Amino acid sequence: ICLDVLPEFKTALRLYKSYGFVEHSPVTNNPVPGTHFMGLNLEGY
């Protein structure tokens, strides 16, 4: 599962990292500077 997080959503970013999401290549277009693109291997989850 992948996602993107706008830079202003710091609480959401912490939440996703707590689940093991890590930086990932973008899967959708989001041109907002500083956006975090993340992914999580669901087999481990």
ModelCIF file with pLDDT and N, C-alpha, C, O atoms, coordinates in Angstrom:
data_MODEL
#
_entry.id   MODEL 
#
_entity.id                         1 
_entity.type                       polymer 
_entity.pdbx_number_of_molecules   1 
#
_entity_poly.entity_id                      1 
_entity_poly.type                           'polypeptide(L)' 
_entity_poly.nstd_linkage                   no 
_entity_poly.nstd_monomer                   no 
_entity_poly.pdbx_seq_one_letter_code       ICLDVLPEFKTALRLYKSYGFVEHSPVTNNPVPGTHFMGLNLEGY 
_entity_poly.pdbx_seq_one_letter_code_can   ICLDVLPEFKTALRLYKSYGFVEHSPVTNNPVPGTHFMGLNLEGY 
_entity_poly.pdbx_strand_id                 A 
#
loop_
_entity_poly_seq.entity_id 
_entity_poly_seq.num 
_entity_poly_seq.mon_id 
_entity_poly_seq.hetero 
1 1  ILE n 
1 2  CYS n 
1 3  LEU n 
1 4  ASP n 
1 5  VAL n 
1 6  LEU n 
1 7  PRO n 
1 8  GLU n 
1 9  PHE n 
1 10 LYS n 
1 11 THR n 
1 12 ALA n 
1 13 LEU n 
1 14 ARG n 
1 15 LEU n 
1 16 TYR n 
1 17 LYS n 
1 18 SER n 
1 19 TYR n 
1 20 GLY n 
1 21 PHE n 
1 22 VAL n 
1 23 GLU n 
1 24 HIS n 
1 25 SER n 
1 26 PRO n 
1 27 VAL n 
1 28 THR n 
1 29 ASN n 
1 30 ASN n 
1 31 PRO n 
1 32 VAL n 
1 33 PRO n 
1 34 GLY n 
1 35 THR n 
1 36 HIS n 
1 37 PHE n 
1 38 MET n 
1 39 GLY n 
1 40 LEU n 
1 41 ASN n 
1 42 LEU n 
1 43 GLU n 
1 44 GLY n 
1 45 TYR n 
#
_struct_asym.id          A 
_struct_asym.entity_id   1 
#
loop_
_ma_qa_metric.id 
_ma_qa_metric.mode 
_ma_qa_metric.name 
_ma_qa_metric.software_group_id 
_ma_qa_metric.type 
1 global pLDDT . pLDDT 
2 local  pLDDT . pLDDT 
#
_ma_qa_metric_global.metric_id      1 
_ma_qa_metric_global.metric_value   93.80 
_ma_qa_metric_global.model_id       1 
_ma_qa_metric_global.ordinal_id     1 
#
loop_
_ma_qa_metric_local.label_asym_id 
_ma_qa_metric_local.label_comp_id 
_ma_qa_metric_local.label_seq_id 
_ma_qa_metric_local.metric_id 
_ma_qa_metric_local.metric_value 
_ma_qa_metric_local.model_id 
_ma_qa_metric_local.ordinal_id 
A ILE 1  2 98.00 1 1  
A CYS 2  2 98.00 1 2  
A LEU 3  2 98.00 1 3  
A ASP 4  2 96.00 1 4  
A VAL 5  2 96.00 1 5  
A LEU 6  2 95.00 1 6  
A PRO 7  2 95.00 1 7  
A GLU 8  2 95.00 1 8  
A PHE 9  2 95.00 1 9  
A LYS 10 2 95.00 1 10 
A THR 11 2 93.00 1 11 
A ALA 12 2 95.00 1 12 
A LEU 13 2 97.00 1 13 
A ARG 14 2 96.00 1 14 
A LEU 15 2 95.00 1 15 
A TYR 16 2 97.00 1 16 
A LYS 17 2 96.00 1 17 
A SER 18 2 95.00 1 18 
A TYR 19 2 94.00 1 19 
A GLY 20 2 94.00 1 20 
A PHE 21 2 97.00 1 21 
A VAL 22 2 97.00 1 22 
A GLU 23 2 97.00 1 23 
A HIS 24 2 96.00 1 24 
A SER 25 2 94.00 1 25 
A PRO 26 2 94.00 1 26 
A VAL 27 2 93.00 1 27 
A THR 28 2 89.00 1 28 
A ASN 29 2 88.00 1 29 
A ASN 30 2 91.00 1 30 
A PRO 31 2 89.00 1 31 
A VAL 32 2 92.00 1 32 
A PRO 33 2 93.00 1 33 
A GLY 34 2 94.00 1 34 
A THR 35 2 96.00 1 35 
A HIS 36 2 97.00 1 36 
A PHE 37 2 97.00 1 37 
A MET 38 2 98.00 1 38 
A GLY 39 2 98.00 1 39 
A LEU 40 2 97.00 1 40 
A ASN 41 2 96.00 1 41 
A LEU 42 2 95.00 1 42 
A GLU 43 2 86.00 1 43 
A GLY 44 2 74.00 1 44 
A TYR 45 2 70.00 1 45 
#
loop_
_atom_site.group_PDB 
_atom_site.id 
_atom_site.type_symbol 
_atom_site.label_atom_id 
_atom_site.label_alt_id 
_atom_site.label_comp_id 
_atom_site.label_asym_id 
_atom_site.label_entity_id 
_atom_site.label_seq_id 
_atom_site.pdbx_PDB_ins_code 
_atom_site.Cartn_x 
_atom_site.Cartn_y 
_atom_site.Cartn_z 
_atom_site.occupancy 
_atom_site.B_iso_or_equiv 
_atom_site.pdbx_formal_charge 
_atom_site.auth_seq_id 
_atom_site.auth_comp_id 
_atom_site.auth_asym_id 
_atom_site.auth_atom_id 
_atom_site.pdbx_PDB_model_num 
ATOM 1   N N  . ILE A 1 1  ? 0.856  -1.178 0.000  1.00 98.00 ? 1  ILE A N  1 
ATOM 2   C CA . ILE A 1 1  ? 0.000  0.000  0.000  1.00 98.00 ? 1  ILE A CA 1 
ATOM 3   C C  . ILE A 1 1  ? 0.894  1.231  0.000  1.00 98.00 ? 1  ILE A C  1 
ATOM 4   O O  . ILE A 1 1  ? 1.880  1.292  0.734  1.00 98.00 ? 1  ILE A O  1 
ATOM 5   N N  . CYS A 1 2  ? 0.549  2.199  -0.818 1.00 98.00 ? 2  CYS A N  1 
ATOM 6   C CA . CYS A 1 2  ? 1.329  3.430  -0.942 1.00 98.00 ? 2  CYS A CA 1 
ATOM 7   C C  . CYS A 1 2  ? 0.443  4.627  -0.603 1.00 98.00 ? 2  CYS A C  1 
ATOM 8   O O  . CYS A 1 2  ? -0.783 4.518  -0.574 1.00 98.00 ? 2  CYS A O  1 
ATOM 9   N N  . LEU A 1 3  ? 1.069  5.749  -0.352 1.00 98.00 ? 3  LEU A N  1 
ATOM 10  C CA . LEU A 1 3  ? 0.340  6.986  -0.057 1.00 98.00 ? 3  LEU A CA 1 
ATOM 11  C C  . LEU A 1 3  ? 1.263  8.170  -0.262 1.00 98.00 ? 3  LEU A C  1 
ATOM 12  O O  . LEU A 1 3  ? 2.473  8.022  -0.433 1.00 98.00 ? 3  LEU A O  1 
ATOM 13  N N  . ASP A 1 4  ? 0.656  9.357  -0.239 1.00 96.00 ? 4  ASP A N  1 
ATOM 14  C CA . ASP A 1 4  ? 1.466  10.569 -0.189 1.00 96.00 ? 4  ASP A CA 1 
ATOM 15  C C  . ASP A 1 4  ? 0.909  11.453 0.915  1.00 96.00 ? 4  ASP A C  1 
ATOM 16  O O  . ASP A 1 4  ? -0.296 11.469 1.170  1.00 96.00 ? 4  ASP A O  1 
ATOM 17  N N  . VAL A 1 5  ? 1.808  12.190 1.567  1.00 96.00 ? 5  VAL A N  1 
ATOM 18  C CA . VAL A 1 5  ? 1.449  13.035 2.702  1.00 96.00 ? 5  VAL A CA 1 
ATOM 19  C C  . VAL A 1 5  ? 1.973  14.438 2.442  1.00 96.00 ? 5  VAL A C  1 
ATOM 20  O O  . VAL A 1 5  ? 3.166  14.635 2.208  1.00 96.00 ? 5  VAL A O  1 
ATOM 21  N N  . LEU A 1 6  ? 1.073  15.406 2.485  1.00 95.00 ? 6  LEU A N  1 
ATOM 22  C CA . LEU A 1 6  ? 1.496  16.795 2.339  1.00 95.00 ? 6  LEU A CA 1 
ATOM 23  C C  . LEU A 1 6  ? 2.407  17.174 3.505  1.00 95.00 ? 6  LEU A C  1 
ATOM 24  O O  . LEU A 1 6  ? 2.228  16.675 4.615  1.00 95.00 ? 6  LEU A O  1 
ATOM 25  N N  . PRO A 1 7  ? 3.377  18.049 3.263  1.00 95.00 ? 7  PRO A N  1 
ATOM 26  C CA . PRO A 1 7  ? 4.353  18.382 4.314  1.00 95.00 ? 7  PRO A CA 1 
ATOM 27  C C  . PRO A 1 7  ? 3.729  18.980 5.577  1.00 95.00 ? 7  PRO A C  1 
ATOM 28  O O  . PRO A 1 7  ? 4.307  18.858 6.657  1.00 95.00 ? 7  PRO A O  1 
ATOM 29  N N  . GLU A 1 8  ? 2.578  19.615 5.469  1.00 95.00 ? 8  GLU A N  1 
ATOM 30  C CA . GLU A 1 8  ? 1.962  20.235 6.649  1.00 95.00 ? 8  GLU A CA 1 
ATOM 31  C C  . GLU A 1 8  ? 1.313  19.213 7.591  1.00 95.00 ? 8  GLU A C  1 
ATOM 32  O O  . GLU A 1 8  ? 1.022  19.538 8.742  1.00 95.00 ? 8  GLU A O  1 
ATOM 33  N N  . PHE A 1 9  ? 1.085  17.997 7.119  1.00 95.00 ? 9  PHE A N  1 
ATOM 34  C CA . PHE A 1 9  ? 0.417  16.984 7.936  1.00 95.00 ? 9  PHE A CA 1 
ATOM 35  C C  . PHE A 1 9  ? 1.429  16.147 8.710  1.00 95.00 ? 9  PHE A C  1 
ATOM 36  O O  . PHE A 1 9  ? 1.600  14.956 8.447  1.00 95.00 ? 9  PHE A O  1 
ATOM 37  N N  . LYS A 1 10 ? 2.094  16.786 9.664  1.00 95.00 ? 10 LYS A N  1 
ATOM 38  C CA . LYS A 1 10 ? 3.164  16.149 10.434 1.00 95.00 ? 10 LYS A CA 1 
ATOM 39  C C  . LYS A 1 10 ? 2.641  15.022 11.342 1.00 95.00 ? 10 LYS A C  1 
ATOM 40  O O  . LYS A 1 10 ? 3.311  14.004 11.513 1.00 95.00 ? 10 LYS A O  1 
ATOM 41  N N  . THR A 1 11 ? 1.462  15.202 11.912 1.00 93.00 ? 11 THR A N  1 
ATOM 42  C CA . THR A 1 11 ? 0.894  14.150 12.766 1.00 93.00 ? 11 THR A CA 1 
ATOM 43  C C  . THR A 1 11 ? 0.587  12.912 11.939 1.00 93.00 ? 11 THR A C  1 
ATOM 44  O O  . THR A 1 11 ? 0.852  11.792 12.375 1.00 93.00 ? 11 THR A O  1 
ATOM 45  N N  . ALA A 1 12 ? 0.032  13.105 10.750 1.00 95.00 ? 12 ALA A N  1 
ATOM 46  C CA . ALA A 1 12 ? -0.257 11.969 9.863  1.00 95.00 ? 12 ALA A CA 1 
ATOM 47  C C  . ALA A 1 12 ? 1.036  11.264 9.468  1.00 95.00 ? 12 ALA A C  1 
ATOM 48  O O  . ALA A 1 12 ? 1.085  10.034 9.435  1.00 95.00 ? 12 ALA A O  1 
ATOM 49  N N  . LEU A 1 13 ? 2.075  12.027 9.172  1.00 97.00 ? 13 LEU A N  1 
ATOM 50  C CA . LEU A 1 13 ? 3.358  11.436 8.802  1.00 97.00 ? 13 LEU A CA 1 
ATOM 51  C C  . LEU A 1 13 ? 3.894  10.563 9.942  1.00 97.00 ? 13 LEU A C  1 
ATOM 52  O O  . LEU A 1 13 ? 4.369  9.454  9.699  1.00 97.00 ? 13 LEU A O  1 
ATOM 53  N N  . ARG A 1 14 ? 3.819  11.057 11.182 1.00 96.00 ? 14 ARG A N  1 
ATOM 54  C CA . ARG A 1 14 ? 4.259  10.265 12.335 1.00 96.00 ? 14 ARG A CA 1 
ATOM 55  C C  . ARG A 1 14 ? 3.426  8.987  12.462 1.00 96.00 ? 14 ARG A C  1 
ATOM 56  O O  . ARG A 1 14 ? 3.959  7.912  12.738 1.00 96.00 ? 14 ARG A O  1 
ATOM 57  N N  . LEU A 1 15 ? 2.129  9.116  12.258 1.00 95.00 ? 15 LEU A N  1 
ATOM 58  C CA . LEU A 1 15 ? 1.252  7.947  12.349 1.00 95.00 ? 15 LEU A CA 1 
ATOM 59  C C  . LEU A 1 15 ? 1.657  6.900  11.316 1.00 95.00 ? 15 LEU A C  1 
ATOM 60  O O  . LEU A 1 15 ? 1.800  5.726  11.658 1.00 95.00 ? 15 LEU A O  1 
ATOM 61  N N  . TYR A 1 16 ? 1.842  7.297  10.077 1.00 97.00 ? 16 TYR A N  1 
ATOM 62  C CA . TYR A 1 16 ? 2.210  6.340  9.025  1.00 97.00 ? 16 TYR A CA 1 
ATOM 63  C C  . TYR A 1 16 ? 3.568  5.695  9.315  1.00 97.00 ? 16 TYR A C  1 
ATOM 64  O O  . TYR A 1 16 ? 3.744  4.494  9.108  1.00 97.00 ? 16 TYR A O  1 
ATOM 65  N N  . LYS A 1 17 ? 4.509  6.480  9.787  1.00 96.00 ? 17 LYS A N  1 
ATOM 66  C CA . LYS A 1 17 ? 5.814  5.911  10.125 1.00 96.00 ? 17 LYS A CA 1 
ATOM 67  C C  . LYS A 1 17 ? 5.693  4.896  11.258 1.00 96.00 ? 17 LYS A C  1 
ATOM 68  O O  . LYS A 1 17 ? 6.435  3.914  11.291 1.00 96.00 ? 17 LYS A O  1 
ATOM 69  N N  . SER A 1 18 ? 4.763  5.126  12.186 1.00 95.00 ? 18 SER A N  1 
ATOM 70  C CA . SER A 1 18 ? 4.589  4.189  13.302 1.00 95.00 ? 18 SER A CA 1 
ATOM 71  C C  . SER A 1 18 ? 4.076  2.830  12.818 1.00 95.00 ? 18 SER A C  1 
ATOM 72  O O  . SER A 1 18 ? 4.235  1.827  13.515 1.00 95.00 ? 18 SER A O  1 
ATOM 73  N N  . TYR A 1 19 ? 3.471  2.789  11.646 1.00 94.00 ? 19 TYR A N  1 
ATOM 74  C CA . TYR A 1 19 ? 3.009  1.533  11.055 1.00 94.00 ? 19 TYR A CA 1 
ATOM 75  C C  . TYR A 1 19 ? 4.084  0.865  10.203 1.00 94.00 ? 19 TYR A C  1 
ATOM 76  O O  . TYR A 1 19 ? 3.902  -0.255 9.724  1.00 94.00 ? 19 TYR A O  1 
ATOM 77  N N  . GLY A 1 20 ? 5.204  1.561  10.019 1.00 94.00 ? 20 GLY A N  1 
ATOM 78  C CA . GLY A 1 20 ? 6.283  0.991  9.222  1.00 94.00 ? 20 GLY A CA 1 
ATOM 79  C C  . GLY A 1 20 ? 6.350  1.509  7.797  1.00 94.00 ? 20 GLY A C  1 
ATOM 80  O O  . GLY A 1 20 ? 7.149  1.016  7.001  1.00 94.00 ? 20 GLY A O  1 
ATOM 81  N N  . PHE A 1 21 ? 5.531  2.488  7.461  1.00 97.00 ? 21 PHE A N  1 
ATOM 82  C CA . PHE A 1 21 ? 5.646  3.091  6.132  1.00 97.00 ? 21 PHE A CA 1 
ATOM 83  C C  . PHE A 1 21 ? 7.022  3.722  5.995  1.00 97.00 ? 21 PHE A C  1 
ATOM 84  O O  . PHE A 1 21 ? 7.533  4.341  6.928  1.00 97.00 ? 21 PHE A O  1 
ATOM 85  N N  . VAL A 1 22 ? 7.614  3.556  4.818  1.00 97.00 ? 22 VAL A N  1 
ATOM 86  C CA . VAL A 1 22 ? 8.928  4.122  4.517  1.00 97.00 ? 22 VAL A CA 1 
ATOM 87  C C  . VAL A 1 22 ? 8.836  4.899  3.210  1.00 97.00 ? 22 VAL A C  1 
ATOM 88  O O  . VAL A 1 22 ? 7.888  4.745  2.439  1.00 97.00 ? 22 VAL A O  1 
ATOM 89  N N  . GLU A 1 23 ? 9.839  5.733  2.981  1.00 97.00 ? 23 GLU A N  1 
ATOM 90  C CA . GLU A 1 23 ? 9.868  6.504  1.735  1.00 97.00 ? 23 GLU A CA 1 
ATOM 91  C C  . GLU A 1 23 ? 9.785  5.542  0.547  1.00 97.00 ? 23 GLU A C  1 
ATOM 92  O O  . GLU A 1 23 ? 10.360 4.453  0.566  1.00 97.00 ? 23 GLU A O  1 
ATOM 93  N N  . HIS A 1 24 ? 9.061  5.970  -0.477 1.00 96.00 ? 24 HIS A N  1 
ATOM 94  C CA . HIS A 1 24 ? 8.777  5.120  -1.639 1.00 96.00 ? 24 HIS A CA 1 
ATOM 95  C C  . HIS A 1 24 ? 8.681  6.021  -2.863 1.00 96.00 ? 24 HIS A C  1 
ATOM 96  O O  . HIS A 1 24 ? 8.396  7.212  -2.739 1.00 96.00 ? 24 HIS A O  1 
ATOM 97  N N  . SER A 1 25 ? 8.913  5.470  -4.014 1.00 94.00 ? 25 SER A N  1 
ATOM 98  C CA . SER A 1 25 ? 8.753  6.273  -5.227 1.00 94.00 ? 25 SER A CA 1 
ATOM 99  C C  . SER A 1 25 ? 7.277  6.631  -5.396 1.00 94.00 ? 25 SER A C  1 
ATOM 100 O O  . SER A 1 25 ? 6.404  5.861  -4.995 1.00 94.00 ? 25 SER A O  1 
ATOM 101 N N  . PRO A 1 26 ? 6.991  7.796  -5.989 1.00 94.00 ? 26 PRO A N  1 
ATOM 102 C CA . PRO A 1 26 ? 5.597  8.216  -6.153 1.00 94.00 ? 26 PRO A CA 1 
ATOM 103 C C  . PRO A 1 26 ? 4.804  7.245  -7.024 1.00 94.00 ? 26 PRO A C  1 
ATOM 104 O O  . PRO A 1 26 ? 5.319  6.706  -8.004 1.00 94.00 ? 26 PRO A O  1 
ATOM 105 N N  . VAL A 1 27 ? 3.546  7.033  -6.651 1.00 93.00 ? 27 VAL A N  1 
ATOM 106 C CA . VAL A 1 27 ? 2.649  6.210  -7.469 1.00 93.00 ? 27 VAL A CA 1 
ATOM 107 C C  . VAL A 1 27 ? 1.579  7.071  -8.130 1.00 93.00 ? 27 VAL A C  1 
ATOM 108 O O  . VAL A 1 27 ? 0.846  6.605  -9.003 1.00 93.00 ? 27 VAL A O  1 
ATOM 109 N N  . THR A 1 28 ? 1.496  8.332  -7.706 1.00 89.00 ? 28 THR A N  1 
ATOM 110 C CA . THR A 1 28 ? 0.574  9.281  -8.314 1.00 89.00 ? 28 THR A CA 1 
ATOM 111 C C  . THR A 1 28 ? 1.274  10.630 -8.439 1.00 89.00 ? 28 THR A C  1 
ATOM 112 O O  . THR A 1 28 ? 2.334  10.859 -7.857 1.00 89.00 ? 28 THR A O  1 
ATOM 113 N N  . ASN A 1 29 ? 0.660  11.504 -9.205 1.00 88.00 ? 29 ASN A N  1 
ATOM 114 C CA . ASN A 1 29 ? 1.212  12.837 -9.389 1.00 88.00 ? 29 ASN A CA 1 
ATOM 115 C C  . ASN A 1 29 ? 0.827  13.728 -8.210 1.00 88.00 ? 29 ASN A C  1 
ATOM 116 O O  . ASN A 1 29 ? -0.356 13.928 -7.934 1.00 88.00 ? 29 ASN A O  1 
ATOM 117 N N  . ASN A 1 30 ? 1.827  14.256 -7.522 1.00 91.00 ? 30 ASN A N  1 
ATOM 118 C CA . ASN A 1 30 ? 1.610  15.264 -6.503 1.00 91.00 ? 30 ASN A CA 1 
ATOM 119 C C  . ASN A 1 30 ? 2.788  16.228 -6.572 1.00 91.00 ? 30 ASN A C  1 
ATOM 120 O O  . ASN A 1 30 ? 3.872  15.926 -6.074 1.00 91.00 ? 30 ASN A O  1 
ATOM 121 N N  . PRO A 1 31 ? 2.576  17.394 -7.194 1.00 89.00 ? 31 PRO A N  1 
ATOM 122 C CA . PRO A 1 31 ? 3.681  18.341 -7.398 1.00 89.00 ? 31 PRO A CA 1 
ATOM 123 C C  . PRO A 1 31 ? 3.967  19.253 -6.208 1.00 89.00 ? 31 PRO A C  1 
ATOM 124 O O  . PRO A 1 31 ? 4.813  20.141 -6.321 1.00 89.00 ? 31 PRO A O  1 
ATOM 125 N N  . VAL A 1 32 ? 3.293  19.069 -5.071 1.00 92.00 ? 32 VAL A N  1 
ATOM 126 C CA . VAL A 1 32 ? 3.491  19.939 -3.919 1.00 92.00 ? 32 VAL A CA 1 
ATOM 127 C C  . VAL A 1 32 ? 4.886  19.690 -3.348 1.00 92.00 ? 32 VAL A C  1 
ATOM 128 O O  . VAL A 1 32 ? 5.197  18.567 -2.950 1.00 92.00 ? 32 VAL A O  1 
ATOM 129 N N  . PRO A 1 33 ? 5.733  20.731 -3.304 1.00 93.00 ? 33 PRO A N  1 
ATOM 130 C CA . PRO A 1 33 ? 7.084  20.552 -2.758 1.00 93.00 ? 33 PRO A CA 1 
ATOM 131 C C  . PRO A 1 33 ? 7.047  20.026 -1.320 1.00 93.00 ? 33 PRO A C  1 
ATOM 132 O O  . PRO A 1 33 ? 6.243  20.473 -0.502 1.00 93.00 ? 33 PRO A O  1 
ATOM 133 N N  . GLY A 1 34 ? 7.931  19.070 -1.031 1.00 94.00 ? 34 GLY A N  1 
ATOM 134 C CA . GLY A 1 34 ? 8.041  18.524 0.314  1.00 94.00 ? 34 GLY A CA 1 
ATOM 135 C C  . GLY A 1 34 ? 7.093  17.375 0.610  1.00 94.00 ? 34 GLY A C  1 
ATOM 136 O O  . GLY A 1 34 ? 7.100  16.835 1.716  1.00 94.00 ? 34 GLY A O  1 
ATOM 137 N N  . THR A 1 35 ? 6.274  16.995 -0.371 1.00 96.00 ? 35 THR A N  1 
ATOM 138 C CA . THR A 1 35 ? 5.359  15.877 -0.157 1.00 96.00 ? 35 THR A CA 1 
ATOM 139 C C  . THR A 1 35 ? 6.154  14.605 0.094  1.00 96.00 ? 35 THR A C  1 
ATOM 140 O O  . THR A 1 35 ? 7.161  14.355 -0.568 1.00 96.00 ? 35 THR A O  1 
ATOM 141 N N  . HIS A 1 36 ? 5.704  13.807 1.046  1.00 97.00 ? 36 HIS A N  1 
ATOM 142 C CA . HIS A 1 36 ? 6.325  12.520 1.350  1.00 97.00 ? 36 HIS A CA 1 
ATOM 143 C C  . HIS A 1 36 ? 5.553  11.430 0.621  1.00 97.00 ? 36 HIS A C  1 
ATOM 144 O O  . HIS A 1 36 ? 4.331  11.335 0.741  1.00 97.00 ? 36 HIS A O  1 
ATOM 145 N N  . PHE A 1 37 ? 6.265  10.619 -0.127 1.00 97.00 ? 37 PHE A N  1 
ATOM 146 C CA . PHE A 1 37 ? 5.691  9.456  -0.804 1.00 97.00 ? 37 PHE A CA 1 
ATOM 147 C C  . PHE A 1 37 ? 6.158  8.238  -0.033 1.00 97.00 ? 37 PHE A C  1 
ATOM 148 O O  . PHE A 1 37 ? 7.356  8.051  0.180  1.00 97.00 ? 37 PHE A O  1 
ATOM 149 N N  . MET A 1 38 ? 5.208  7.407  0.388  1.00 98.00 ? 38 MET A N  1 
ATOM 150 C CA . MET A 1 38 ? 5.544  6.310  1.287  1.00 98.00 ? 38 MET A CA 1 
ATOM 151 C C  . MET A 1 38 ? 4.883  5.013  0.844  1.00 98.00 ? 38 MET A C  1 
ATOM 152 O O  . MET A 1 38 ? 3.900  5.023  0.103  1.00 98.00 ? 38 MET A O  1 
ATOM 153 N N  . GLY A 1 39 ? 5.436  3.898  1.310  1.00 98.00 ? 39 GLY A N  1 
ATOM 154 C CA . GLY A 1 39 ? 4.870  2.599  1.016  1.00 98.00 ? 39 GLY A CA 1 
ATOM 155 C C  . GLY A 1 39 ? 5.052  1.656  2.192  1.00 98.00 ? 39 GLY A C  1 
ATOM 156 O O  . GLY A 1 39 ? 5.931  1.844  3.034  1.00 98.00 ? 39 GLY A O  1 
ATOM 157 N N  . LEU A 1 40 ? 4.202  0.639  2.230  1.00 97.00 ? 40 LEU A N  1 
ATOM 158 C CA . LEU A 1 40 ? 4.256  -0.376 3.285  1.00 97.00 ? 40 LEU A CA 1 
ATOM 159 C C  . LEU A 1 40 ? 4.028  -1.736 2.653  1.00 97.00 ? 40 LEU A C  1 
ATOM 160 O O  . LEU A 1 40 ? 3.083  -1.930 1.887  1.00 97.00 ? 40 LEU A O  1 
ATOM 161 N N  . ASN A 1 41 ? 4.908  -2.682 2.984  1.00 96.00 ? 41 ASN A N  1 
ATOM 162 C CA . ASN A 1 41 ? 4.754  -4.069 2.550  1.00 96.00 ? 41 ASN A CA 1 
ATOM 163 C C  . ASN A 1 41 ? 3.650  -4.696 3.394  1.00 96.00 ? 41 ASN A C  1 
ATOM 164 O O  . ASN A 1 41 ? 3.804  -4.832 4.608  1.00 96.00 ? 41 ASN A O  1 
ATOM 165 N N  . LEU A 1 42 ? 2.555  -5.073 2.775  1.00 95.00 ? 42 LEU A N  1 
ATOM 166 C CA . LEU A 1 42 ? 1.414  -5.609 3.523  1.00 95.00 ? 42 LEU A CA 1 
ATOM 167 C C  . LEU A 1 42 ? 1.608  -7.043 3.969  1.00 95.00 ? 42 LEU A C  1 
ATOM 168 O O  . LEU A 1 42 ? 0.890  -7.511 4.853  1.00 95.00 ? 42 LEU A O  1 
ATOM 169 N N  . GLU A 1 43 ? 2.553  -7.749 3.386  1.00 86.00 ? 43 GLU A N  1 
ATOM 170 C CA . GLU A 1 43 ? 2.802  -9.117 3.843  1.00 86.00 ? 43 GLU A CA 1 
ATOM 171 C C  . GLU A 1 43 ? 3.294  -9.099 5.286  1.00 86.00 ? 43 GLU A C  1 
ATOM 172 O O  . GLU A 1 43 ? 2.890  -9.939 6.090  1.00 86.00 ? 43 GLU A O  1 
ATOM 173 N N  . GLY A 1 44 ? 4.149  -8.161 5.613  1.00 74.00 ? 44 GLY A N  1 
ATOM 174 C CA . GLY A 1 44 ? 4.613  -8.014 6.992  1.00 74.00 ? 44 GLY A CA 1 
ATOM 175 C C  . GLY A 1 44 ? 3.483  -7.578 7.913  1.00 74.00 ? 44 GLY A C  1 
ATOM 176 O O  . GLY A 1 44 ? 3.389  -8.050 9.046  1.00 74.00 ? 44 GLY A O  1 
ATOM 177 N N  . TYR A 1 45 ? 2.633  -6.693 7.442  1.00 70.00 ? 45 TYR A N  1 
ATOM 178 C CA . TYR A 1 45 ? 1.498  -6.241 8.244  1.00 70.00 ? 45 TYR A CA 1 
ATOM 179 C C  . TYR A 1 45 ? 0.515  -7.389 8.455  1.00 70.00 ? 45 TYR A C  1 
ATOM 180 O O  . TYR A 1 45 ? -0.512 -7.209 9.110  1.00 70.00 ? 45 TYR A O  1 
#
